[in-house]
N, C-alpha and C. Protein backbone atom coordinates (compact mmCIF):
# COMPACT_ATOMS: atom_id res chain seq x y z
N UNK A 1 -79.08 63.27 -26.46
CA UNK A 1 -79.07 64.28 -27.15
C UNK A 1 -77.84 65.40 -26.23
N UNK A 2 -76.97 65.63 -26.72
CA UNK A 2 -75.79 66.03 -26.34
C UNK A 2 -75.98 67.73 -27.22
N UNK A 3 -75.89 68.63 -25.67
CA UNK A 3 -75.81 70.11 -26.26
C UNK A 3 -74.53 70.68 -26.18
N UNK A 4 -73.64 70.76 -26.75
CA UNK A 4 -71.74 71.40 -26.38
C UNK A 4 -72.06 72.35 -26.86
N UNK A 5 -71.75 73.05 -25.76
CA UNK A 5 -71.30 74.90 -25.73
C UNK A 5 -70.30 75.38 -26.27
N UNK A 6 -69.88 75.73 -26.86
CA UNK A 6 -68.32 76.27 -26.95
C UNK A 6 -68.31 77.78 -27.11
N UNK A 7 -67.03 78.28 -26.94
CA UNK A 7 -66.98 79.89 -27.44
C UNK A 7 -65.60 79.94 -26.34
N UNK A 8 -65.73 80.92 -26.60
CA UNK A 8 -64.13 82.14 -25.68
C UNK A 8 -64.18 81.86 -24.38
N UNK A 9 -63.31 82.38 -23.78
CA UNK A 9 -63.28 82.35 -22.35
C UNK A 9 -63.80 83.68 -22.10
N UNK A 10 -65.18 83.16 -21.19
CA UNK A 10 -66.25 84.56 -21.12
C UNK A 10 -67.51 84.90 -21.83
N UNK A 11 -67.68 84.12 -22.73
CA UNK A 11 -68.72 83.75 -24.16
C UNK A 11 -70.09 83.98 -23.13
N UNK A 12 -70.05 83.12 -22.03
CA UNK A 12 -71.43 82.66 -21.58
C UNK A 12 -71.73 81.17 -21.23
N UNK A 13 -70.73 80.25 -21.66
CA UNK A 13 -70.62 79.13 -21.79
C UNK A 13 -71.38 78.51 -20.51
N UNK A 14 -70.67 78.65 -19.29
CA UNK A 14 -71.25 78.18 -17.95
C UNK A 14 -72.22 78.30 -17.71
N UNK A 15 -72.51 79.72 -17.73
CA UNK A 15 -74.10 80.27 -17.33
C UNK A 15 -75.14 79.91 -18.22
N UNK A 16 -74.60 79.83 -19.20
CA UNK A 16 -75.84 79.33 -20.08
C UNK A 16 -76.25 78.23 -19.76
N UNK A 17 -74.88 76.84 -19.85
CA UNK A 17 -75.19 75.43 -19.79
C UNK A 17 -76.51 75.59 -18.55
N UNK A 18 -75.98 75.97 -16.85
CA UNK A 18 -76.69 75.82 -16.03
C UNK A 18 -77.81 76.69 -15.98
N UNK A 19 -78.07 77.45 -16.97
CA UNK A 19 -79.51 78.33 -17.40
C UNK A 19 -80.68 76.77 -18.00
N UNK A 20 -79.72 76.34 -19.33
CA UNK A 20 -80.68 75.21 -19.46
C UNK A 20 -81.00 74.39 -19.04
N UNK A 21 -79.85 73.88 -18.16
CA UNK A 21 -79.87 72.94 -17.01
C UNK A 21 -81.39 72.98 -16.32
N UNK A 22 -81.54 74.36 -15.34
CA UNK A 22 -82.53 74.96 -14.98
C UNK A 22 -83.75 75.00 -15.36
N UNK A 23 -83.96 74.59 -16.80
CA UNK A 23 -85.09 74.96 -17.62
C UNK A 23 -85.27 73.72 -18.06
N UNK A 24 -84.91 72.86 -18.71
CA UNK A 24 -84.97 71.90 -19.20
C UNK A 24 -85.49 70.73 -17.98
N UNK A 25 -85.85 69.98 -17.81
CA UNK A 25 -86.44 69.12 -16.34
C UNK A 25 -85.53 68.03 -16.19
N UNK A 26 -85.41 66.71 -17.71
CA UNK A 26 -84.35 66.09 -17.09
C UNK A 26 -82.67 66.41 -18.24
N UNK A 27 -81.78 66.48 -17.35
CA UNK A 27 -80.96 67.21 -17.95
C UNK A 27 -79.67 67.15 -17.18
N UNK A 28 -78.72 66.74 -17.49
CA UNK A 28 -77.09 67.01 -16.89
C UNK A 28 -76.27 67.64 -17.37
N UNK A 29 -75.02 68.90 -16.53
CA UNK A 29 -74.59 69.59 -16.99
C UNK A 29 -72.88 68.73 -16.61
N UNK A 30 -72.38 68.42 -17.25
CA UNK A 30 -71.06 67.80 -17.62
C UNK A 30 -69.92 68.66 -17.89
N UNK A 31 -69.10 68.80 -17.20
CA UNK A 31 -67.49 69.56 -17.28
C UNK A 31 -66.34 69.22 -17.68
N UNK A 32 -66.10 68.79 -18.63
CA UNK A 32 -64.97 68.27 -19.00
C UNK A 32 -63.46 68.40 -18.13
N UNK A 33 -63.50 70.12 -17.92
CA UNK A 33 -62.34 70.55 -16.95
C UNK A 33 -61.94 69.51 -16.16
N UNK A 34 -63.41 68.84 -15.54
CA UNK A 34 -62.74 68.28 -14.18
C UNK A 34 -61.88 67.42 -14.46
N UNK A 35 -61.82 66.44 -15.45
CA UNK A 35 -60.90 65.16 -15.92
C UNK A 35 -58.98 66.52 -16.42
N UNK A 36 -59.41 67.19 -16.54
CA UNK A 36 -57.96 68.18 -16.87
C UNK A 36 -57.43 68.23 -15.37
N UNK A 37 -58.03 68.94 -14.27
CA UNK A 37 -57.87 68.93 -13.42
C UNK A 37 -56.56 67.97 -12.61
N UNK A 38 -57.93 66.41 -12.55
CA UNK A 38 -57.68 65.51 -12.20
C UNK A 38 -56.76 65.23 -12.61
N UNK A 39 -56.06 64.83 -14.06
CA UNK A 39 -54.98 65.05 -14.54
C UNK A 39 -53.71 65.43 -13.90
N UNK A 40 -53.71 67.00 -14.16
CA UNK A 40 -52.81 67.63 -13.38
C UNK A 40 -52.49 67.39 -12.22
N UNK A 41 -53.56 67.08 -11.15
CA UNK A 41 -52.93 67.11 -10.03
C UNK A 41 -52.59 65.46 -9.45
N UNK A 42 -52.62 64.89 -10.73
CA UNK A 42 -51.76 63.29 -10.47
C UNK A 42 -50.80 63.12 -11.31
N UNK A 43 -50.61 63.71 -11.86
CA UNK A 43 -48.58 63.37 -12.71
C UNK A 43 -48.31 64.62 -12.18
N UNK A 44 -46.34 63.69 -12.43
CA UNK A 44 -45.38 64.59 -11.86
C UNK A 44 -45.55 65.88 -12.65
N UNK A 45 -45.12 67.34 -12.34
CA UNK A 45 -45.21 68.53 -12.67
C UNK A 45 -44.38 68.70 -14.22
N UNK A 46 -43.22 67.65 -14.01
CA UNK A 46 -42.50 67.72 -15.68
C UNK A 46 -43.08 66.98 -16.48
N UNK A 47 -44.69 65.81 -16.61
CA UNK A 47 -45.13 65.82 -17.39
C UNK A 47 -46.68 66.62 -17.54
N UNK A 48 -46.37 67.83 -16.94
CA UNK A 48 -47.44 68.55 -17.22
C UNK A 48 -47.67 69.58 -18.35
N UNK A 49 -48.94 69.83 -18.98
CA UNK A 49 -49.08 70.57 -20.42
C UNK A 49 -49.25 72.09 -19.56
N UNK A 50 -48.81 73.16 -20.56
CA UNK A 50 -49.90 74.49 -20.70
C UNK A 50 -51.41 74.45 -20.76
N UNK A 51 -52.23 73.16 -21.42
CA UNK A 51 -53.16 73.68 -21.64
C UNK A 51 -53.47 71.92 -21.51
N UNK A 52 -54.87 71.27 -20.43
CA UNK A 52 -54.66 70.01 -20.12
C UNK A 52 -55.10 69.92 -21.48
N UNK A 53 -55.83 70.07 -22.49
CA UNK A 53 -56.38 69.35 -23.44
C UNK A 53 -55.39 68.75 -24.20
N UNK A 54 -53.83 69.55 -24.54
CA UNK A 54 -53.24 68.62 -25.09
C UNK A 54 -52.47 67.20 -24.50
N UNK A 55 -53.32 66.53 -23.58
CA UNK A 55 -52.79 65.63 -22.75
C UNK A 55 -54.00 64.59 -23.99
N UNK A 56 -53.04 63.41 -24.66
CA UNK A 56 -54.32 62.58 -25.29
C UNK A 56 -55.14 61.82 -24.20
N UNK A 57 -54.95 61.74 -22.88
CA UNK A 57 -55.63 61.19 -21.81
C UNK A 57 -56.53 62.21 -21.73
N UNK A 58 -56.55 62.87 -22.08
CA UNK A 58 -57.91 64.05 -21.10
C UNK A 58 -58.63 64.10 -22.46
N UNK A 59 -58.52 63.91 -23.80
CA UNK A 59 -59.57 63.56 -24.83
C UNK A 59 -60.27 62.15 -24.50
N UNK A 60 -59.26 61.43 -24.39
CA UNK A 60 -59.27 59.52 -24.69
C UNK A 60 -60.82 59.30 -23.52
N UNK A 61 -60.26 60.34 -22.05
CA UNK A 61 -60.87 60.36 -20.45
C UNK A 61 -62.53 60.48 -20.88
N UNK A 62 -62.27 62.29 -21.49
CA UNK A 62 -63.55 62.53 -22.25
C UNK A 62 -64.36 61.97 -23.10
N UNK A 63 -63.90 61.98 -24.29
CA UNK A 63 -64.57 60.50 -25.12
C UNK A 63 -65.55 59.43 -24.89
N UNK A 64 -64.68 58.67 -23.77
CA UNK A 64 -65.37 57.31 -23.23
C UNK A 64 -66.64 57.50 -22.03
N UNK A 65 -66.06 58.72 -21.10
CA UNK A 65 -67.05 59.13 -20.14
C UNK A 65 -68.58 59.75 -20.68
N UNK A 66 -68.07 60.65 -21.63
CA UNK A 66 -69.20 61.38 -22.63
C UNK A 66 -70.21 60.52 -22.96
N UNK A 67 -69.70 58.96 -24.15
CA UNK A 67 -70.08 59.13 -24.61
C UNK A 67 -70.61 57.21 -24.16
N UNK A 68 -70.58 57.13 -22.37
CA UNK A 68 -71.15 55.76 -21.33
C UNK A 68 -72.24 57.15 -20.84
N UNK A 69 -72.18 58.53 -20.70
CA UNK A 69 -73.35 59.15 -20.00
C UNK A 69 -74.65 59.21 -20.97
N UNK A 70 -74.02 59.59 -22.33
CA UNK A 70 -74.86 59.87 -23.41
C UNK A 70 -76.06 58.69 -23.92
N UNK A 71 -74.69 57.26 -24.07
CA UNK A 71 -75.70 55.72 -24.18
C UNK A 71 -76.73 55.71 -22.56
N UNK A 72 -76.51 56.18 -21.81
CA UNK A 72 -76.96 55.30 -20.50
C UNK A 72 -77.94 56.43 -19.92
N UNK A 73 -77.80 57.93 -20.16
CA UNK A 73 -78.55 58.57 -19.55
C UNK A 73 -79.85 59.17 -20.33
N UNK A 74 -81.04 59.11 -20.30
CA UNK A 74 -82.45 59.55 -20.71
C UNK A 74 -82.20 60.50 -21.07
N UNK A 75 -81.74 61.58 -20.35
CA UNK A 75 -82.02 62.77 -20.51
C UNK A 75 -81.19 63.81 -20.99
N UNK A 76 -80.87 65.35 -21.53
CA UNK A 76 -80.33 65.88 -22.32
C UNK A 76 -78.76 66.10 -21.55
N UNK A 77 -77.78 65.98 -22.24
CA UNK A 77 -76.22 65.96 -21.63
C UNK A 77 -76.02 67.53 -22.01
N UNK A 78 -75.45 68.53 -20.91
CA UNK A 78 -74.95 69.82 -21.55
C UNK A 78 -73.85 70.09 -21.18
N UNK A 79 -72.51 70.11 -22.19
CA UNK A 79 -71.36 70.25 -21.88
C UNK A 79 -71.16 71.63 -22.10
N UNK A 80 -70.54 72.55 -21.03
CA UNK A 80 -70.09 73.97 -21.49
C UNK A 80 -68.47 73.38 -21.61
N UNK A 81 -67.73 73.48 -23.05
CA UNK A 81 -66.37 73.73 -23.02
C UNK A 81 -65.98 74.29 -23.71
N UNK A 82 -64.39 75.45 -24.13
CA UNK A 82 -64.40 75.79 -25.04
C UNK A 82 -63.25 74.46 -25.69
N UNK A 83 -63.66 74.82 -26.61
CA UNK A 83 -62.29 73.91 -27.53
C UNK A 83 -62.18 74.44 -28.98
N UNK A 84 -61.02 74.86 -29.22
CA UNK A 84 -60.74 75.20 -30.88
C UNK A 84 -60.20 74.31 -31.41
N UNK A 85 -59.16 73.41 -31.38
CA UNK A 85 -58.42 72.38 -31.77
C UNK A 85 -59.27 71.76 -32.93
N UNK A 86 -59.35 71.92 -34.09
CA UNK A 86 -60.25 71.08 -34.87
C UNK A 86 -60.51 69.65 -34.65
N UNK A 87 -58.94 68.90 -34.48
CA UNK A 87 -58.15 67.72 -34.39
C UNK A 87 -58.93 67.35 -33.15
N UNK A 88 -59.08 68.12 -31.75
CA UNK A 88 -59.07 67.78 -30.46
C UNK A 88 -60.89 67.67 -30.23
N UNK A 89 -61.51 68.78 -31.37
CA UNK A 89 -62.69 68.37 -31.44
C UNK A 89 -63.09 67.10 -32.10
N UNK A 90 -62.54 66.80 -33.06
CA UNK A 90 -62.76 65.79 -34.07
C UNK A 90 -62.96 64.27 -33.21
N UNK A 91 -61.61 64.74 -32.49
CA UNK A 91 -61.14 63.33 -31.69
C UNK A 91 -62.32 62.87 -30.67
N UNK A 92 -63.32 64.32 -30.16
CA UNK A 92 -64.23 63.70 -28.81
C UNK A 92 -66.19 63.65 -29.75
N UNK A 93 -66.11 65.49 -30.02
CA UNK A 93 -67.56 65.33 -30.87
C UNK A 93 -67.53 64.68 -32.53
N UNK A 94 -66.89 64.70 -32.91
CA UNK A 94 -66.34 63.80 -34.04
C UNK A 94 -66.56 62.34 -33.77
N UNK A 95 -66.00 61.76 -32.90
CA UNK A 95 -66.26 60.24 -32.65
C UNK A 95 -67.17 60.06 -32.09
N UNK A 96 -67.84 61.09 -30.74
CA UNK A 96 -69.64 60.61 -30.44
C UNK A 96 -70.16 60.80 -31.84
N UNK A 97 -70.40 61.72 -32.86
CA UNK A 97 -71.26 61.30 -33.79
C UNK A 97 -70.94 60.30 -34.80
N UNK A 98 -70.05 59.73 -34.33
CA UNK A 98 -70.10 58.37 -35.42
C UNK A 98 -70.13 57.21 -35.12
N UNK A 99 -70.70 57.70 -33.32
CA UNK A 99 -70.89 56.36 -32.69
C UNK A 99 -72.41 56.30 -33.11
N UNK A 100 -73.01 57.35 -33.29
CA UNK A 100 -74.76 57.40 -33.30
C UNK A 100 -75.01 58.42 -32.64
N UNK A 101 -74.29 59.10 -32.05
CA UNK A 101 -74.71 60.17 -30.77
C UNK A 101 -75.27 61.80 -31.10
N UNK A 102 -76.03 61.97 -30.80
CA UNK A 102 -76.82 63.44 -31.74
C UNK A 102 -76.07 64.53 -30.76
N UNK A 103 -74.95 65.16 -30.71
CA UNK A 103 -74.62 66.46 -30.85
C UNK A 103 -74.59 67.79 -30.97
N UNK A 104 -75.72 68.28 -30.62
CA UNK A 104 -75.61 69.88 -31.19
C UNK A 104 -74.67 70.37 -30.75
N UNK A 105 -73.71 71.37 -31.70
CA UNK A 105 -72.85 72.32 -31.18
C UNK A 105 -73.07 73.25 -31.29
N UNK A 106 -72.86 74.28 -30.33
CA UNK A 106 -73.56 75.84 -30.95
C UNK A 106 -72.10 76.72 -30.38
N UNK A 107 -71.18 77.90 -30.60
CA UNK A 107 -70.23 78.47 -30.35
C UNK A 107 -70.53 79.65 -30.45
N UNK A 108 -70.44 80.68 -29.22
CA UNK A 108 -70.85 81.55 -28.39
C UNK A 108 -70.14 82.57 -28.90
N UNK A 109 -70.11 83.61 -29.80
CA UNK A 109 -69.61 84.67 -30.22
C UNK A 109 -69.56 86.04 -29.76
N UNK A 110 -68.41 86.67 -29.74
CA UNK A 110 -68.68 88.12 -28.58
C UNK A 110 -67.44 88.75 -29.02
N UNK A 111 -67.21 89.88 -29.10
CA UNK A 111 -65.92 90.72 -29.62
C UNK A 111 -65.29 90.70 -28.25
N UNK A 112 -63.71 90.85 -28.79
CA UNK A 112 -62.62 91.06 -27.80
C UNK A 112 -63.19 91.86 -26.96
N UNK A 113 -63.21 93.36 -26.97
CA UNK A 113 -63.64 93.77 -26.01
C UNK A 113 -64.78 93.39 -24.64
N UNK A 114 -66.02 92.51 -25.55
CA UNK A 114 -67.07 92.26 -24.74
C UNK A 114 -66.74 90.51 -23.45
N UNK A 115 -65.25 90.27 -24.21
CA UNK A 115 -65.04 89.29 -23.75
C UNK A 115 -64.53 89.92 -22.90
N UNK A 116 -63.52 90.55 -22.44
CA UNK A 116 -62.63 90.83 -21.77
C UNK A 116 -63.83 91.74 -20.76
N UNK A 117 -64.80 92.55 -21.10
CA UNK A 117 -65.80 92.65 -20.02
C UNK A 117 -66.36 92.03 -18.94
N UNK A 118 -66.69 91.11 -19.71
CA UNK A 118 -67.08 89.92 -19.22
C UNK A 118 -66.29 89.16 -18.23
N UNK A 119 -65.00 89.07 -18.32
CA UNK A 119 -64.15 88.22 -17.22
C UNK A 119 -63.58 89.23 -16.04
N UNK A 120 -63.50 90.41 -16.71
CA UNK A 120 -63.67 91.82 -15.90
C UNK A 120 -64.14 91.63 -14.83
N UNK A 121 -65.57 91.20 -14.68
CA UNK A 121 -66.59 91.16 -14.04
C UNK A 121 -66.38 90.27 -13.31
N UNK A 122 -65.64 89.11 -13.72
CA UNK A 122 -65.55 87.66 -12.84
C UNK A 122 -64.56 87.64 -12.19
N UNK A 123 -63.64 88.64 -12.72
CA UNK A 123 -62.63 88.99 -11.53
C UNK A 123 -60.96 88.41 -12.30
N UNK A 124 -61.21 87.79 -13.33
CA UNK A 124 -60.29 87.56 -14.79
C UNK A 124 -59.11 88.90 -15.01
N UNK A 125 -58.63 89.88 -14.82
CA UNK A 125 -57.89 90.65 -15.27
C UNK A 125 -57.32 90.01 -16.72
N UNK A 126 -56.26 90.94 -17.42
CA UNK A 126 -56.52 91.71 -18.79
C UNK A 126 -54.98 90.25 -19.06
N UNK A 127 -54.24 90.67 -17.84
CA UNK A 127 -53.33 89.32 -17.99
C UNK A 127 -53.36 87.93 -17.71
N UNK A 128 -54.63 87.73 -17.12
CA UNK A 128 -55.22 86.20 -16.71
C UNK A 128 -54.70 85.39 -17.87
N UNK A 129 -55.24 84.04 -17.18
CA UNK A 129 -54.89 83.02 -18.84
C UNK A 129 -56.17 83.24 -19.29
N UNK A 130 -57.32 83.14 -19.23
CA UNK A 130 -58.51 83.78 -20.03
C UNK A 130 -58.32 84.34 -21.16
N UNK A 131 -57.61 84.95 -20.46
CA UNK A 131 -57.75 86.63 -21.29
C UNK A 131 -56.97 86.60 -22.27
N UNK A 132 -55.19 85.79 -22.05
CA UNK A 132 -54.62 86.08 -22.74
C UNK A 132 -55.23 84.66 -23.70
N UNK A 133 -55.68 83.80 -23.64
CA UNK A 133 -56.59 83.13 -24.88
C UNK A 133 -58.00 83.39 -25.65
N UNK A 134 -57.80 84.76 -25.57
CA UNK A 134 -59.05 85.38 -26.28
C UNK A 134 -58.74 85.46 -27.95
N UNK A 135 -57.30 85.69 -27.83
CA UNK A 135 -57.41 86.29 -29.89
C UNK A 135 -56.86 84.29 -30.34
N UNK A 136 -56.68 83.46 -29.71
CA UNK A 136 -56.02 82.26 -30.19
C UNK A 136 -57.72 81.73 -30.71
N UNK A 137 -59.06 82.29 -29.78
CA UNK A 137 -60.10 81.35 -29.66
C UNK A 137 -60.91 81.53 -30.36
N UNK A 138 -60.83 83.09 -30.55
CA UNK A 138 -61.71 84.00 -31.59
C UNK A 138 -61.35 83.59 -33.02
N UNK A 139 -60.16 83.40 -33.27
CA UNK A 139 -59.44 82.88 -34.86
C UNK A 139 -59.70 81.79 -35.19
N UNK A 140 -59.48 80.71 -34.11
CA UNK A 140 -59.88 79.16 -34.02
C UNK A 140 -61.01 78.84 -34.37
N UNK A 141 -62.11 79.48 -33.65
CA UNK A 141 -63.48 79.30 -33.82
C UNK A 141 -64.10 79.67 -35.22
N UNK A 142 -63.29 80.66 -35.56
CA UNK A 142 -64.09 80.92 -37.07
C UNK A 142 -64.06 79.92 -38.36
N UNK A 143 -63.51 78.65 -37.61
CA UNK A 143 -63.64 77.33 -38.80
C UNK A 143 -64.31 77.32 -38.45
N UNK A 144 -65.12 76.72 -39.99
CA UNK A 144 -66.53 76.41 -40.15
C UNK A 144 -66.30 75.06 -39.57
N UNK A 145 -65.88 73.91 -38.71
CA UNK A 145 -66.16 73.24 -38.26
C UNK A 145 -67.24 73.04 -36.96
N UNK A 146 -66.80 74.47 -36.31
CA UNK A 146 -67.25 75.02 -35.17
C UNK A 146 -68.65 75.75 -35.42
N UNK A 147 -69.36 75.52 -36.29
CA UNK A 147 -70.61 75.91 -36.22
C UNK A 147 -71.44 75.69 -35.38
N UNK A 148 -72.79 75.69 -35.40
CA UNK A 148 -73.01 76.52 -35.31
C UNK A 148 -73.21 78.26 -34.51
N UNK A 149 -72.54 79.24 -34.80
CA UNK A 149 -72.42 80.29 -34.51
C UNK A 149 -73.40 81.00 -33.87
N UNK A 150 -73.54 81.83 -32.52
CA UNK A 150 -74.32 82.82 -32.10
C UNK A 150 -73.48 83.60 -31.85
N UNK A 151 -74.14 84.82 -32.23
CA UNK A 151 -73.73 85.92 -31.50
C UNK A 151 -74.40 86.46 -30.52
N UNK A 152 -73.79 86.28 -29.45
CA UNK A 152 -74.46 86.94 -28.11
C UNK A 152 -73.94 88.22 -27.62
N UNK A 153 -74.09 89.27 -28.79
CA UNK A 153 -73.21 90.49 -28.35
C UNK A 153 -74.65 91.62 -27.98
N UNK A 154 -75.36 91.97 -26.53
CA UNK A 154 -76.18 92.27 -26.50
C UNK A 154 -77.76 91.12 -26.50
N UNK A 155 -77.09 90.30 -26.53
CA UNK A 155 -78.20 89.46 -25.65
C UNK A 155 -78.18 89.02 -24.09
N UNK A 156 -79.28 88.72 -23.41
CA UNK A 156 -79.10 88.06 -22.23
C UNK A 156 -78.79 86.61 -22.28
N UNK A 157 -78.07 85.89 -20.87
CA UNK A 157 -78.34 84.64 -20.80
C UNK A 157 -79.72 84.35 -21.33
N UNK A 158 -80.92 84.58 -20.90
CA UNK A 158 -82.23 84.33 -20.90
C UNK A 158 -82.60 84.06 -22.80
N UNK A 159 -82.05 84.83 -23.28
CA UNK A 159 -81.99 85.15 -24.88
C UNK A 159 -80.78 83.70 -25.63
N UNK A 160 -79.85 83.78 -25.07
CA UNK A 160 -79.19 83.29 -25.50
C UNK A 160 -79.57 81.18 -25.04
N UNK A 161 -80.24 81.29 -24.17
CA UNK A 161 -80.70 80.18 -23.34
C UNK A 161 -82.34 79.84 -24.25
N UNK A 162 -82.87 80.89 -25.33
CA UNK A 162 -83.74 80.35 -26.05
C UNK A 162 -83.93 79.77 -27.16
N UNK A 163 -82.98 80.53 -27.97
CA UNK A 163 -82.06 80.46 -28.74
C UNK A 163 -81.38 78.74 -28.86
N UNK A 164 -81.03 79.01 -28.29
CA UNK A 164 -80.15 77.20 -27.78
C UNK A 164 -81.36 76.11 -28.19
N UNK A 165 -82.23 76.54 -27.49
CA UNK A 165 -83.38 75.70 -27.05
C UNK A 165 -84.60 75.24 -28.04
N UNK A 166 -84.05 76.55 -28.99
CA UNK A 166 -85.19 76.50 -30.36
C UNK A 166 -84.40 75.82 -31.42
N UNK A 167 -83.33 76.36 -31.28
CA UNK A 167 -82.66 75.18 -32.55
C UNK A 167 -82.43 73.92 -31.95
N UNK A 168 -82.14 73.76 -30.69
CA UNK A 168 -81.99 72.28 -30.37
C UNK A 168 -83.36 71.65 -30.79
N UNK A 169 -84.81 71.89 -30.71
CA UNK A 169 -86.14 71.88 -30.80
C UNK A 169 -86.52 71.03 -29.29
N UNK A 170 -86.07 71.88 -28.44
CA UNK A 170 -86.06 71.38 -27.16
C UNK A 170 -87.31 72.45 -26.53
N UNK A 171 -88.20 72.08 -25.12
CA UNK A 171 -89.17 73.09 -25.19
C UNK A 171 -88.20 73.35 -23.84
N UNK A 172 -87.98 74.42 -23.01
CA UNK A 172 -87.42 74.99 -21.89
C UNK A 172 -88.92 75.49 -20.83
N UNK A 173 -89.03 74.98 -19.65
CA UNK A 173 -88.95 75.91 -18.72
C UNK A 173 -89.22 77.17 -18.63
N UNK A 174 -90.22 78.22 -18.19
CA UNK A 174 -90.07 79.90 -18.14
C UNK A 174 -89.65 79.77 -16.66
N UNK A 175 -89.58 81.27 -17.19
CA UNK A 175 -88.25 81.06 -16.07
C UNK A 175 -88.94 82.80 -15.58
N UNK A 176 -89.81 82.45 -14.12
CA UNK A 176 -90.67 83.25 -13.41
C UNK A 176 -89.96 84.39 -12.77
N UNK A 177 -88.64 83.92 -12.37
CA UNK A 177 -88.04 84.26 -11.16
C UNK A 177 -87.90 86.06 -11.25
N UNK A 178 -88.05 86.80 -10.55
CA UNK A 178 -87.58 87.80 -10.29
C UNK A 178 -85.89 88.52 -10.79
N UNK A 179 -85.74 89.37 -11.17
CA UNK A 179 -84.34 90.32 -11.32
C UNK A 179 -83.19 89.62 -9.98
N UNK A 180 -83.54 89.82 -8.93
CA UNK A 180 -82.87 89.53 -7.59
C UNK A 180 -82.63 88.06 -7.55
N UNK A 181 -83.55 87.27 -7.76
CA UNK A 181 -83.05 86.23 -7.34
C UNK A 181 -82.19 85.21 -8.59
N UNK A 182 -81.98 85.60 -9.82
CA UNK A 182 -81.57 85.63 -10.86
C UNK A 182 -80.05 85.98 -11.19
N UNK A 183 -80.19 87.19 -10.19
CA UNK A 183 -78.64 88.00 -10.07
C UNK A 183 -78.01 86.91 -9.24
N UNK A 184 -78.77 86.51 -8.10
CA UNK A 184 -77.98 85.80 -6.95
C UNK A 184 -77.53 84.04 -7.44
N UNK A 185 -78.50 83.68 -8.53
CA UNK A 185 -78.75 82.54 -9.22
C UNK A 185 -77.20 82.17 -9.92
N UNK A 186 -77.27 83.39 -10.46
CA UNK A 186 -75.53 83.62 -11.48
C UNK A 186 -74.38 84.06 -11.21
N UNK A 187 -74.41 84.20 -9.75
CA UNK A 187 -73.65 84.77 -9.10
C UNK A 187 -73.09 83.41 -8.25
N UNK A 188 -73.89 82.51 -8.12
CA UNK A 188 -73.54 81.71 -7.21
C UNK A 188 -72.86 80.62 -8.12
N UNK A 189 -73.45 80.67 -9.21
CA UNK A 189 -72.46 79.44 -10.09
C UNK A 189 -71.75 80.11 -10.70
N UNK A 190 -71.74 81.81 -10.81
CA UNK A 190 -69.93 81.89 -11.10
C UNK A 190 -69.32 81.42 -10.10
N UNK A 191 -69.58 82.03 -8.91
CA UNK A 191 -68.39 80.68 -7.71
C UNK A 191 -68.09 80.22 -7.35
N UNK A 192 -69.08 78.60 -7.89
CA UNK A 192 -68.90 77.53 -7.91
C UNK A 192 -68.28 76.97 -9.20
N UNK A 193 -68.04 77.85 -10.01
CA UNK A 193 -67.34 77.75 -11.17
C UNK A 193 -65.43 77.82 -10.97
N UNK A 194 -65.01 79.03 -9.87
CA UNK A 194 -64.47 79.50 -9.83
C UNK A 194 -62.75 78.29 -9.95
N UNK A 195 -62.02 78.38 -10.53
CA UNK A 195 -60.95 77.70 -10.24
C UNK A 195 -59.51 78.16 -10.29
N UNK A 196 -59.12 78.27 -8.89
CA UNK A 196 -57.68 78.98 -8.74
C UNK A 196 -56.55 78.50 -8.37
């Protein structure tokens, strides 16, 4: 099974994905962005696109790699990735589903103000690339193809994890860590996923 966590930048995809991974015994987090950075570093500047999802190769490579992992891996594959173009979504998620692979797709929703606040807390200002994408993402993710929506306003990461687990019919291990250990873990995940 694949759990694809979608949403605007700042919605909590990465934190949710890694918390799910920590609490689902047999699971793996796959980040499609890594192929985007690989493509960007290995082509001439003149071939670069503003968004690496616009590279056909990014979509093809991700579909093939995700399909390969899903067919050979016995556990739950967790994918945190913003994708708002319905065509691109169909090229990857639609194609995986057409191959008989179960993809549970969830879109984390929050208000523009909340997203900006979350981005600011991780060091992204109002003029950053993620902040500039908020309106495009919020509008695009209203498309019915991006169901199921989970409104994260007022929800903690733990709440979102439990909601996704329930909707996916998965058992998650309880989280018995204290507040300080949780905070340290989330800061670590945030730092490990900074790409500048």
